[in-house]
C-alpha cells in the first residue's frame, strides 16, 4: 500500500489541509507540510479522528463540480 499524502486525505474528507495538519499534531505525529507522506496506520488514525470530530464531510455529500467544456477558440481575422 502506498503512503498517502496529508493533502490527499484532507481533500478526500473535505477538510482543509491545515485542519488535517493540526489534527496530526494533536495526535502526536510530526508532519512538516501537506505534501508530506504518512504511514497507512497514521492515515487511518487521522481519518478516524477527523470523522469522530465531525470536521470531515462524507465524500458523497460534497460532489466535485462538473468540468465545463472548453470554449471554442476565436479565429483571428
N, C-alpha and C. Protein backbone atom coordinates (compact mmCIF):
# COMPACT_ATOMS: atom_id res chain seq x y z
N UNK A 1 0.85 -1.17 0.00
CA UNK A 1 0.00 0.00 0.00
C UNK A 1 0.89 1.23 0.00
N UNK A 2 0.59 2.18 -0.86
CA UNK A 2 1.37 3.40 -0.97
C UNK A 2 1.08 4.32 0.20
N UNK A 3 2.07 5.14 0.53
CA UNK A 3 1.88 6.10 1.60
C UNK A 3 1.09 7.29 1.06
N UNK A 4 -0.03 7.63 1.68
CA UNK A 4 -0.79 8.79 1.21
C UNK A 4 -0.19 10.09 1.70
N UNK A 5 -0.46 11.14 0.98
CA UNK A 5 -0.04 12.48 1.40
C UNK A 5 -1.14 13.10 2.23
N UNK A 6 -0.75 14.01 3.11
CA UNK A 6 -1.70 14.65 4.02
C UNK A 6 -2.79 15.37 3.22
N UNK A 7 -2.41 16.09 2.18
CA UNK A 7 -3.40 16.85 1.42
C UNK A 7 -4.38 15.94 0.69
N UNK A 8 -3.95 14.73 0.33
CA UNK A 8 -4.86 13.78 -0.33
C UNK A 8 -5.95 13.33 0.64
N UNK A 9 -5.56 13.04 1.86
CA UNK A 9 -6.54 12.61 2.86
C UNK A 9 -7.48 13.76 3.20
N UNK A 10 -6.92 14.96 3.33
CA UNK A 10 -7.73 16.13 3.65
C UNK A 10 -8.78 16.38 2.57
N UNK A 11 -8.37 16.32 1.32
CA UNK A 11 -9.34 16.56 0.24
C UNK A 11 -10.35 15.42 0.15
N UNK A 12 -9.92 14.22 0.44
CA UNK A 12 -10.83 13.06 0.45
C UNK A 12 -11.93 13.25 1.49
N UNK A 13 -11.56 13.84 2.63
CA UNK A 13 -12.52 14.04 3.72
C UNK A 13 -13.21 15.40 3.66
N UNK A 14 -12.81 16.24 2.72
CA UNK A 14 -13.45 17.53 2.56
C UNK A 14 -13.06 18.56 3.61
N UNK A 15 -11.84 18.46 4.12
CA UNK A 15 -11.35 19.44 5.08
C UNK A 15 -10.11 20.13 4.52
N UNK A 16 -9.77 21.25 5.12
CA UNK A 16 -8.58 21.98 4.71
C UNK A 16 -7.33 21.24 5.20
N UNK A 17 -6.25 21.36 4.46
CA UNK A 17 -5.00 20.70 4.84
C UNK A 17 -4.51 21.18 6.20
N UNK A 18 -4.76 22.45 6.51
CA UNK A 18 -4.34 22.99 7.80
C UNK A 18 -5.04 22.28 8.95
N UNK A 19 -6.32 21.93 8.75
CA UNK A 19 -7.07 21.20 9.77
C UNK A 19 -6.46 19.83 9.97
N UNK A 20 -6.11 19.17 8.87
CA UNK A 20 -5.50 17.84 8.95
C UNK A 20 -4.14 17.91 9.65
N UNK A 21 -3.34 18.93 9.33
CA UNK A 21 -2.04 19.08 9.98
C UNK A 21 -2.20 19.32 11.48
N UNK A 22 -3.17 20.15 11.85
CA UNK A 22 -3.41 20.42 13.27
C UNK A 22 -3.85 19.15 14.00
N UNK A 23 -4.69 18.35 13.36
CA UNK A 23 -5.16 17.11 13.98
C UNK A 23 -3.99 16.13 14.14
N UNK A 24 -3.13 16.05 13.15
CA UNK A 24 -1.96 15.18 13.27
C UNK A 24 -1.06 15.61 14.42
N UNK A 25 -0.91 16.92 14.59
CA UNK A 25 -0.10 17.43 15.70
C UNK A 25 -0.74 17.04 17.03
N UNK A 26 -2.08 17.15 17.12
CA UNK A 26 -2.79 16.73 18.34
C UNK A 26 -2.57 15.24 18.62
N UNK A 27 -2.49 14.46 17.56
CA UNK A 27 -2.30 13.01 17.70
C UNK A 27 -0.85 12.64 18.01
N UNK A 28 0.04 13.65 18.03
CA UNK A 28 1.44 13.39 18.36
C UNK A 28 2.29 12.98 17.18
N UNK A 29 1.80 13.23 15.98
CA UNK A 29 2.55 12.88 14.77
C UNK A 29 3.28 14.11 14.25
N UNK A 30 4.54 13.96 13.86
CA UNK A 30 5.31 15.06 13.32
C UNK A 30 5.19 15.06 11.80
N UNK A 31 4.57 16.11 11.27
CA UNK A 31 4.40 16.25 9.82
C UNK A 31 4.75 17.69 9.47
N UNK A 32 5.61 17.87 8.46
CA UNK A 32 6.05 19.21 8.11
C UNK A 32 5.04 19.98 7.27
N UNK A 33 4.48 19.34 6.25
CA UNK A 33 3.64 20.07 5.31
C UNK A 33 2.55 19.17 4.74
N UNK A 34 1.57 19.78 4.04
CA UNK A 34 0.51 18.97 3.43
C UNK A 34 1.02 17.99 2.39
N UNK A 35 2.19 18.24 1.83
CA UNK A 35 2.71 17.33 0.82
C UNK A 35 3.50 16.17 1.43
N UNK A 36 3.62 16.15 2.76
CA UNK A 36 4.30 15.06 3.43
C UNK A 36 3.49 13.77 3.34
N UNK A 37 4.20 12.65 3.23
CA UNK A 37 3.53 11.36 3.24
C UNK A 37 3.44 10.86 4.67
N UNK A 38 2.42 10.06 4.93
CA UNK A 38 2.27 9.45 6.25
C UNK A 38 2.04 7.96 6.09
N UNK A 39 2.38 7.21 7.10
CA UNK A 39 2.21 5.76 7.07
C UNK A 39 0.72 5.41 7.08
N UNK A 40 0.33 4.30 6.47
CA UNK A 40 -1.08 3.90 6.44
C UNK A 40 -1.77 3.84 7.81
N UNK A 41 -1.09 3.34 8.87
CA UNK A 41 -1.77 3.35 10.18
C UNK A 41 -2.05 4.77 10.69
N UNK A 42 -1.15 5.70 10.40
CA UNK A 42 -1.34 7.09 10.81
C UNK A 42 -2.48 7.69 9.99
N UNK A 43 -2.57 7.34 8.72
CA UNK A 43 -3.66 7.82 7.87
C UNK A 43 -5.01 7.34 8.41
N UNK A 44 -5.06 6.09 8.86
CA UNK A 44 -6.31 5.57 9.44
C UNK A 44 -6.67 6.32 10.71
N UNK A 45 -5.67 6.61 11.56
CA UNK A 45 -5.92 7.37 12.79
C UNK A 45 -6.44 8.76 12.45
N UNK A 46 -5.86 9.40 11.45
CA UNK A 46 -6.28 10.74 11.05
C UNK A 46 -7.71 10.73 10.55
N UNK A 47 -8.03 9.79 9.67
CA UNK A 47 -9.40 9.69 9.15
C UNK A 47 -10.40 9.49 10.29
N UNK A 48 -10.09 8.57 11.19
CA UNK A 48 -10.99 8.28 12.31
C UNK A 48 -11.16 9.50 13.21
N UNK A 49 -10.07 10.21 13.49
CA UNK A 49 -10.14 11.37 14.37
C UNK A 49 -10.95 12.49 13.74
N UNK A 50 -10.76 12.74 12.45
CA UNK A 50 -11.50 13.81 11.78
C UNK A 50 -12.98 13.46 11.66
N UNK A 51 -13.28 12.20 11.38
CA UNK A 51 -14.68 11.79 11.26
C UNK A 51 -15.37 11.84 12.63
N UNK A 52 -14.67 11.44 13.69
CA UNK A 52 -15.24 11.47 15.03
C UNK A 52 -15.49 12.91 15.49
N UNK A 53 -14.61 13.81 15.07
CA UNK A 53 -14.74 15.21 15.44
C UNK A 53 -15.88 15.89 14.69
N UNK A 54 -16.25 15.31 13.58
CA UNK A 54 -17.31 15.89 12.77
C UNK A 54 -16.80 16.93 11.79
N UNK A 55 -15.49 17.09 11.70
CA UNK A 55 -14.92 18.06 10.77
C UNK A 55 -14.97 17.54 9.34
N UNK A 56 -14.96 16.23 9.20
CA UNK A 56 -14.93 15.63 7.87
C UNK A 56 -16.34 15.54 7.30
N UNK A 57 -16.44 15.85 6.03
CA UNK A 57 -17.70 15.70 5.32
C UNK A 57 -17.62 14.41 4.52
N UNK A 58 -18.68 13.64 4.47
CA UNK A 58 -18.64 12.42 3.65
C UNK A 58 -18.33 12.77 2.20
N UNK A 59 -17.55 11.93 1.56
CA UNK A 59 -17.13 12.20 0.19
C UNK A 59 -18.31 12.33 -0.77
N UNK A 60 -19.38 11.56 -0.56
CA UNK A 60 -20.52 11.63 -1.47
C UNK A 60 -21.42 12.83 -1.18
N UNK A 61 -21.27 13.47 -0.03
CA UNK A 61 -22.10 14.63 0.30
C UNK A 61 -21.60 15.89 -0.40
N UNK A 62 -20.34 15.92 -0.75
CA UNK A 62 -19.77 17.09 -1.41
C UNK A 62 -19.19 16.68 -2.76
N UNK A 63 -20.05 16.50 -3.77
CA UNK A 63 -19.53 16.08 -5.07
C UNK A 63 -18.69 17.18 -5.71
N UNK A 64 -17.75 16.76 -6.49
CA UNK A 64 -16.89 17.72 -7.19
C UNK A 64 -17.70 18.37 -8.31
N UNK A 65 -17.44 19.64 -8.57
CA UNK A 65 -18.18 20.30 -9.65
C UNK A 65 -17.85 19.67 -11.00
N UNK A 66 -18.85 19.65 -11.86
CA UNK A 66 -18.66 19.06 -13.19
C UNK A 66 -17.73 19.95 -14.01
N UNK A 67 -16.91 19.32 -14.81
CA UNK A 67 -15.99 20.07 -15.66
C UNK A 67 -16.78 20.76 -16.77
N UNK A 68 -16.41 22.01 -17.01
CA UNK A 68 -17.07 22.77 -18.07
C UNK A 68 -16.36 22.47 -19.39
N UNK A 69 -17.12 22.37 -20.46
CA UNK A 69 -16.47 22.13 -21.76
C UNK A 69 -15.65 23.35 -22.16
N UNK A 70 -14.57 23.09 -22.85
CA UNK A 70 -13.70 24.19 -23.27
C UNK A 70 -14.41 25.05 -24.31
N UNK A 71 -14.22 26.35 -24.18
CA UNK A 71 -14.81 27.28 -25.13
C UNK A 71 -14.05 27.18 -26.46
N UNK A 72 -14.76 27.28 -27.58
CA UNK A 72 -14.06 27.22 -28.87
C UNK A 72 -13.14 28.43 -29.03
N UNK A 73 -11.99 28.19 -29.61
CA UNK A 73 -11.02 29.27 -29.80
C UNK A 73 -11.53 30.25 -30.85
N UNK A 74 -11.38 31.52 -30.58
CA UNK A 74 -11.80 32.54 -31.54
C UNK A 74 -10.76 32.62 -32.66
N UNK A 75 -11.27 32.70 -33.88
CA UNK A 75 -10.37 32.77 -35.02
C UNK A 75 -10.03 34.23 -35.30
N UNK A 76 -8.75 34.54 -35.36
CA UNK A 76 -8.36 35.93 -35.66
C UNK A 76 -8.70 36.28 -37.10
N UNK A 77 -9.09 37.50 -37.26
CA UNK A 77 -9.18 37.92 -38.60
C UNK A 77 -10.34 38.48 -39.17
